[in-house]
Amino acid sequence: MKIRKIVTIVEEVKTEMAQPLPKPLRKAAAVAVFENPFAGKYVEDLTPLIDASVELGDMLTKKAVAALGIAPNEVESYGKGVIVGENGELEHAAALMHPKLGKPMRDNIGGGKALIPSAKKVGGVGTALDVPLGYKDAAFVRSHFDAMEVRVADGPRANEIALAVVVTSGGRPLARVGGLKKEEAKCEDGLR
């Protein structure tokens, strides 16, 4: 892939509704903006994007975890997202995210049994994407249902793709709507 730029975004929440958090919640996104080799044309075989997702996923996950400033196994939530420039199609995003991206993400966070939440869209320069997040080992841990907005000011251009990996140090601040708690999760099947 011909990468034009990599953007790292870190968000740190220290208080919520004037309530200090016992531990700040950190979210980090690492985004690669790169040339779409299939922009402007229909191509049946998207294997080059599928294969590129392995290297990109490895690099971006390492960058996002480093930005959090915690050990890889301390990552609690994860998510992924793609914005395809206007001359591309949603299937280009699917090729990057679904067949192979999960393995390098999991390898760099010390596991991850749950499905990795994802979002994709086609959009122009500066398009925002809400990357959904979930607890990495049990999808039904409600306190970790969240999202992080990701935006690159000058991308993706019409012939580019922006691939984002997001990781967090915890669930939502002051989560209190019930459901399965992280401490109760068995983390055996990726669900509960």
C-alpha atoms as a PDB file:
ATOM      1  CA  MET A   1       0.000   0.000   0.000  1.00  0.00           C
ATOM      2  CA  LYS A   2       1.134   3.530  -0.752  1.00  0.00           C
ATOM      3  CA  ILE A   3       0.503   5.211   2.600  1.00  0.00           C
ATOM      4  CA  ARG A   4       0.215   8.996   2.429  1.00  0.00           C
ATOM      5  CA  LYS A   5      -0.110   9.590   6.150  1.00  0.00           C
ATOM      6  CA  ILE A   6      -0.754   8.042   9.526  1.00  0.00           C
ATOM      7  CA  VAL A   7      -2.789   9.908  12.116  1.00  0.00           C
ATOM      8  CA  THR A   8      -2.983   9.012  15.804  1.00  0.00           C
ATOM      9  CA  ILE A   9      -5.777  10.439  17.946  1.00  0.00           C
ATOM     10  CA  VAL A  10      -5.874  10.145  21.742  1.00  0.00           C
ATOM     11  CA  GLU A  11      -8.846  11.105  23.874  1.00  0.00           C
ATOM     12  CA  GLU A  12      -8.618  11.155  27.669  1.00  0.00           C
ATOM     13  CA  VAL A  13     -11.676  11.613  29.869  1.00  0.00           C
ATOM     14  CA  LYS A  14     -10.931  12.653  33.457  1.00  0.00           C
ATOM     15  CA  THR A  15     -14.404  13.706  34.649  1.00  0.00           C
ATOM     16  CA  GLU A  16     -17.948  13.057  33.493  1.00  0.00           C
ATOM     17  CA  MET A  17     -20.925  15.140  34.652  1.00  0.00           C
ATOM     18  CA  ALA A  18     -18.615  16.833  37.190  1.00  0.00           C
ATOM     19  CA  GLN A  19     -17.795  13.418  38.662  1.00  0.00           C
ATOM     20  CA  PRO A  20     -14.064  12.659  38.767  1.00  0.00           C
ATOM     21  CA  LEU A  21     -13.269   9.250  37.350  1.00  0.00           C
ATOM     22  CA  PRO A  22     -11.253   6.891  39.553  1.00  0.00           C
ATOM     23  CA  LYS A  23      -9.034   6.252  36.536  1.00  0.00           C
ATOM     24  CA  PRO A  24      -9.058   8.357  33.333  1.00  0.00           C
ATOM     25  CA  LEU A  25     -10.593   6.632  30.326  1.00  0.00           C
ATOM     26  CA  ARG A  26      -8.272   6.697  27.346  1.00  0.00           C
ATOM     27  CA  LYS A  27      -9.257   5.978  23.757  1.00  0.00           C
ATOM     28  CA  ALA A  28      -6.737   5.870  20.941  1.00  0.00           C
ATOM     29  CA  ALA A  29      -7.209   5.594  17.200  1.00  0.00           C
ATOM     30  CA  ALA A  30      -4.495   4.984  14.654  1.00  0.00           C
ATOM     31  CA  VAL A  31      -5.516   5.751  11.083  1.00  0.00           C
ATOM     32  CA  ALA A  32      -3.665   5.025   7.856  1.00  0.00           C
ATOM     33  CA  VAL A  33      -4.620   7.019   4.770  1.00  0.00           C
ATOM     34  CA  PHE A  34      -3.446   5.281   1.619  1.00  0.00           C
ATOM     35  CA  GLU A  35      -3.992   4.992  -2.108  1.00  0.00           C
ATOM     36  CA  ASN A  36      -6.924   2.822  -3.156  1.00  0.00           C
ATOM     37  CA  PRO A  37      -5.518   0.547  -5.877  1.00  0.00           C
ATOM     38  CA  PHE A  38      -9.053  -0.103  -7.161  1.00  0.00           C
ATOM     39  CA  ALA A  39     -10.376   3.474  -7.211  1.00  0.00           C
ATOM     40  CA  GLY A  40     -12.540   4.238 -10.215  1.00  0.00           C
ATOM     41  CA  LYS A  41     -12.828   0.678 -11.515  1.00  0.00           C
ATOM     42  CA  TYR A  42     -14.629  -2.542 -10.725  1.00  0.00           C
ATOM     43  CA  VAL A  43     -12.289  -5.392  -9.819  1.00  0.00           C
ATOM     44  CA  GLU A  44     -13.562  -8.857  -8.970  1.00  0.00           C
ATOM     45  CA  ASP A  45     -10.568 -10.036  -6.912  1.00  0.00           C
ATOM     46  CA  LEU A  46      -9.913  -7.839  -3.867  1.00  0.00           C
ATOM     47  CA  THR A  47      -7.146 -10.076  -2.463  1.00  0.00           C
ATOM     48  CA  PRO A  48      -4.534  -7.273  -2.475  1.00  0.00           C
ATOM     49  CA  LEU A  49      -6.647  -5.292   0.027  1.00  0.00           C
ATOM     50  CA  ILE A  50      -7.339  -8.402   2.117  1.00  0.00           C
ATOM     51  CA  ASP A  51      -3.629  -9.203   2.289  1.00  0.00           C
ATOM     52  CA  ALA A  52      -2.646  -5.576   2.995  1.00  0.00           C
ATOM     53  CA  SER A  53      -4.923  -5.533   6.034  1.00  0.00           C
ATOM     54  CA  VAL A  54      -2.555  -7.872   7.893  1.00  0.00           C
ATOM     55  CA  GLU A  55       0.413  -5.496   7.782  1.00  0.00           C
ATOM     56  CA  LEU A  56      -1.772  -2.421   8.280  1.00  0.00           C
ATOM     57  CA  GLY A  57      -3.611  -4.012  11.198  1.00  0.00           C
ATOM     58  CA  ASP A  58      -0.360  -4.973  12.889  1.00  0.00           C
ATOM     59  CA  MET A  59       1.149  -1.504  12.496  1.00  0.00           C
ATOM     60  CA  LEU A  60      -1.995   0.441  13.433  1.00  0.00           C
ATOM     61  CA  THR A  61      -2.807  -1.663  16.480  1.00  0.00           C
ATOM     62  CA  LYS A  62       0.737  -1.280  17.806  1.00  0.00           C
ATOM     63  CA  LYS A  63       0.528   2.496  17.290  1.00  0.00           C
ATOM     64  CA  ALA A  64      -2.871   2.752  18.991  1.00  0.00           C
ATOM     65  CA  VAL A  65      -1.779   0.682  22.008  1.00  0.00           C
ATOM     66  CA  ALA A  66       1.426   2.710  22.336  1.00  0.00           C
ATOM     67  CA  ALA A  67      -0.652   5.906  22.274  1.00  0.00           C
ATOM     68  CA  LEU A  68      -2.767   4.585  25.158  1.00  0.00           C
ATOM     69  CA  GLY A  69       0.384   4.200  27.235  1.00  0.00           C
ATOM     70  CA  ILE A  70      -0.658   0.832  28.689  1.00  0.00           C
ATOM     71  CA  ALA A  71       0.480  -2.758  28.233  1.00  0.00           C
ATOM     72  CA  PRO A  72      -1.204  -4.561  25.324  1.00  0.00           C
ATOM     73  CA  ASN A  73      -3.032  -6.994  27.617  1.00  0.00           C
ATOM     74  CA  GLU A  74      -4.565  -4.019  29.492  1.00  0.00           C
ATOM     75  CA  VAL A  75      -6.581  -2.971  26.423  1.00  0.00           C
ATOM     76  CA  GLU A  76     -10.258  -3.469  27.254  1.00  0.00           C
ATOM     77  CA  SER A  77     -12.208  -2.466  24.141  1.00  0.00           C
ATOM     78  CA  TYR A  78     -11.575  -2.421  20.445  1.00  0.00           C
ATOM     79  CA  GLY A  79     -13.129  -1.465  17.142  1.00  0.00           C
ATOM     80  CA  LYS A  80     -12.252  -0.876  13.505  1.00  0.00           C
ATOM     81  CA  GLY A  81     -13.507   1.328  10.725  1.00  0.00           C
ATOM     82  CA  VAL A  82     -12.906   2.352   7.133  1.00  0.00           C
ATOM     83  CA  ILE A  83     -13.789   5.414   5.107  1.00  0.00           C
ATOM     84  CA  VAL A  84     -13.428   4.786   1.384  1.00  0.00           C
ATOM     85  CA  GLY A  85     -12.906   7.834  -0.838  1.00  0.00           C
ATOM     86  CA  GLU A  86     -15.544   8.727  -3.411  1.00  0.00           C
ATOM     87  CA  ASN A  87     -13.975   6.719  -6.248  1.00  0.00           C
ATOM     88  CA  GLY A  88     -14.102   3.509  -4.233  1.00  0.00           C
ATOM     89  CA  GLU A  89     -16.838   1.224  -2.970  1.00  0.00           C
ATOM     90  CA  LEU A  90     -17.963  -0.305   0.330  1.00  0.00           C
ATOM     91  CA  GLU A  91     -16.595  -3.685  -0.688  1.00  0.00           C
ATOM     92  CA  HIS A  92     -13.096  -2.200  -0.558  1.00  0.00           C
ATOM     93  CA  ALA A  93     -13.741  -1.470   3.135  1.00  0.00           C
ATOM     94  CA  ALA A  94     -15.091  -4.979   3.684  1.00  0.00           C
ATOM     95  CA  ALA A  95     -11.983  -6.498   2.085  1.00  0.00           C
ATOM     96  CA  LEU A  96      -9.780  -4.592   4.513  1.00  0.00           C
ATOM     97  CA  MET A  97     -11.788  -5.236   7.661  1.00  0.00           C
ATOM     98  CA  HIS A  98     -13.331  -8.666   7.606  1.00  0.00           C
ATOM     99  CA  PRO A  99     -11.220 -11.566   6.336  1.00  0.00           C
ATOM    100  CA  LYS A 100      -7.823 -10.932   8.014  1.00  0.00           C
ATOM    101  CA  LEU A 101      -7.635  -7.686  10.021  1.00  0.00           C
ATOM    102  CA  GLY A 102      -8.819  -9.256  13.286  1.00  0.00           C
ATOM    103  CA  LYS A 103      -5.828 -11.534  13.805  1.00  0.00           C
ATOM    104  CA  PRO A 104      -3.118  -8.849  13.901  1.00  0.00           C
ATOM    105  CA  MET A 105      -5.349  -6.712  16.122  1.00  0.00           C
ATOM    106  CA  ARG A 106      -5.853  -9.559  18.599  1.00  0.00           C
ATOM    107  CA  ASP A 107      -2.176 -10.532  18.460  1.00  0.00           C
ATOM    108  CA  ASN A 108      -1.241  -7.019  19.595  1.00  0.00           C
ATOM    109  CA  ILE A 109      -3.672  -6.701  22.514  1.00  0.00           C
ATOM    110  CA  GLY A 110      -3.135 -10.001  24.265  1.00  0.00           C
ATOM    111  CA  GLY A 111      -6.212 -11.789  22.964  1.00  0.00           C
ATOM    112  CA  GLY A 112      -9.720 -10.725  22.120  1.00  0.00           C
ATOM    113  CA  LYS A 113     -12.396 -13.413  21.930  1.00  0.00           C
ATOM    114  CA  ALA A 114     -15.282 -11.150  20.984  1.00  0.00           C
ATOM    115  CA  LEU A 115     -16.141 -10.022  17.495  1.00  0.00           C
ATOM    116  CA  ILE A 116     -14.482  -6.703  16.666  1.00  0.00           C
ATOM    117  CA  PRO A 117     -17.199  -4.079  16.104  1.00  0.00           C
ATOM    118  CA  SER A 118     -16.824  -2.273  12.794  1.00  0.00           C
ATOM    119  CA  ALA A 119     -18.216   0.507  10.621  1.00  0.00           C
ATOM    120  CA  LYS A 120     -17.644   1.496   7.028  1.00  0.00           C
ATOM    121  CA  LYS A 121     -18.762   4.203   4.670  1.00  0.00           C
ATOM    122  CA  VAL A 122     -17.903   5.991   1.446  1.00  0.00           C
ATOM    123  CA  GLY A 123     -17.161   9.676   1.922  1.00  0.00           C
ATOM    124  CA  GLY A 124     -15.110  12.672   0.955  1.00  0.00           C
ATOM    125  CA  VAL A 125     -12.286  14.594   2.557  1.00  0.00           C
ATOM    126  CA  GLY A 126     -12.887  15.175   6.263  1.00  0.00           C
ATOM    127  CA  THR A 127     -15.688  12.627   6.586  1.00  0.00           C
ATOM    128  CA  ALA A 128     -16.196  11.516  10.190  1.00  0.00           C
ATOM    129  CA  LEU A 129     -16.772   7.901  11.176  1.00  0.00           C
ATOM    130  CA  ASP A 130     -18.066   6.708  14.539  1.00  0.00           C
ATOM    131  CA  VAL A 131     -16.022   3.565  15.149  1.00  0.00           C
ATOM    132  CA  PRO A 132     -18.061   1.253  17.405  1.00  0.00           C
ATOM    133  CA  LEU A 133     -16.341  -0.280  20.420  1.00  0.00           C
ATOM    134  CA  GLY A 134     -16.932  -3.398  22.483  1.00  0.00           C
ATOM    135  CA  TYR A 135     -15.242  -5.321  25.272  1.00  0.00           C
ATOM    136  CA  LYS A 136     -12.547  -7.470  23.686  1.00  0.00           C
ATOM    137  CA  ASP A 137     -13.369 -10.772  25.402  1.00  0.00           C
ATOM    138  CA  ALA A 138     -17.163 -10.780  25.855  1.00  0.00           C
ATOM    139  CA  ALA A 139     -19.488  -8.950  23.467  1.00  0.00           C
ATOM    140  CA  PHE A 140     -22.347  -8.669  25.975  1.00  0.00           C
ATOM    141  CA  VAL A 141     -20.448  -6.500  28.481  1.00  0.00           C
ATOM    142  CA  ARG A 142     -22.794  -3.526  28.191  1.00  0.00           C
ATOM    143  CA  SER A 143     -20.540  -0.994  29.967  1.00  0.00           C
ATOM    144  CA  HIS A 144     -18.149  -1.158  27.024  1.00  0.00           C
ATOM    145  CA  PHE A 145     -20.699  -0.434  24.254  1.00  0.00           C
ATOM    146  CA  ASP A 146     -19.271   2.843  23.010  1.00  0.00           C
ATOM    147  CA  ALA A 147     -17.761   4.583  19.978  1.00  0.00           C
ATOM    148  CA  MET A 148     -14.972   6.966  19.042  1.00  0.00           C
ATOM    149  CA  GLU A 149     -15.324   9.533  16.293  1.00  0.00           C
ATOM    150  CA  VAL A 150     -12.437   9.396  13.842  1.00  0.00           C
ATOM    151  CA  ARG A 151     -11.752  12.053  11.238  1.00  0.00           C
ATOM    152  CA  VAL A 152      -8.760  12.959   9.076  1.00  0.00           C
ATOM    153  CA  ALA A 153      -8.904  16.613   8.031  1.00  0.00           C
ATOM    154  CA  ASP A 154      -7.473  16.073   4.543  1.00  0.00           C
ATOM    155  CA  GLY A 155      -8.541  12.527   3.833  1.00  0.00           C
ATOM    156  CA  PRO A 156      -9.565  10.310   2.391  1.00  0.00           C
ATOM    157  CA  ARG A 157      -9.196  11.922  -0.982  1.00  0.00           C
ATOM    158  CA  ALA A 158     -11.291  10.499  -3.826  1.00  0.00           C
ATOM    159  CA  ASN A 159      -8.710   7.817  -4.686  1.00  0.00           C
ATOM    160  CA  GLU A 160      -7.784   6.945  -1.081  1.00  0.00           C
ATOM    161  CA  ILE A 161      -8.929   4.843   1.843  1.00  0.00           C
ATOM    162  CA  ALA A 162      -8.672   5.629   5.564  1.00  0.00           C
ATOM    163  CA  LEU A 163      -8.411   2.543   7.803  1.00  0.00           C
ATOM    164  CA  ALA A 164      -8.798   3.063  11.566  1.00  0.00           C
ATOM    165  CA  VAL A 165      -8.044   0.817  14.536  1.00  0.00           C
ATOM    166  CA  VAL A 166      -9.362   1.975  17.918  1.00  0.00           C
ATOM    167  CA  VAL A 167      -8.501   0.635  21.383  1.00  0.00           C
ATOM    168  CA  THR A 168      -9.449   1.799  24.874  1.00  0.00           C
ATOM    169  CA  SER A 169      -8.343   1.461  28.480  1.00  0.00           C
ATOM    170  CA  GLY A 170     -11.880   0.885  29.770  1.00  0.00           C
ATOM    171  CA  GLY A 171     -15.621   1.134  29.244  1.00  0.00           C
ATOM    172  CA  ARG A 172     -17.874   4.185  29.243  1.00  0.00           C
ATOM    173  CA  PRO A 173     -17.347   6.665  32.076  1.00  0.00           C
ATOM    174  CA  LEU A 174     -19.879   6.154  34.884  1.00  0.00           C
ATOM    175  CA  ALA A 175     -21.614   3.226  33.112  1.00  0.00           C
ATOM    176  CA  ARG A 176     -24.749   2.343  35.074  1.00  0.00           C
ATOM    177  CA  VAL A 177     -27.426   0.884  32.805  1.00  0.00           C
ATOM    178  CA  GLY A 178     -27.057  -2.711  33.989  1.00  0.00           C
ATOM    179  CA  GLY A 179     -26.222  -5.784  31.990  1.00  0.00           C
ATOM    180  CA  LEU A 180     -23.239  -8.063  32.199  1.00  0.00           C
ATOM    181  CA  LYS A 181     -20.298  -6.517  34.035  1.00  0.00           C
ATOM    182  CA  LYS A 182     -16.692  -7.026  32.963  1.00  0.00           C
ATOM    183  CA  GLU A 183     -15.941  -8.712  36.285  1.00  0.00           C
ATOM    184  CA  GLU A 184     -18.800 -11.203  35.719  1.00  0.00           C
ATOM    185  CA  ALA A 185     -17.885 -12.148  32.163  1.00  0.00           C
ATOM    186  CA  LYS A 186     -16.623 -15.712  31.689  1.00  0.00           C
ATOM    187  CA  CYS A 187     -14.781 -14.708  28.502  1.00  0.00           C
ATOM    188  CA  GLU A 188     -14.968 -18.224  27.080  1.00  0.00           C
ATOM    189  CA  ASP A 189     -17.038 -17.900  23.918  1.00  0.00           C
ATOM    190  CA  GLY A 190     -16.613 -14.227  23.042  1.00  0.00           C
ATOM    191  CA  LEU A 191     -20.204 -13.486  24.032  1.00  0.00           C
ATOM    192  CA  ARG A 192     -20.626 -13.619  27.819  1.00  0.00           C
END
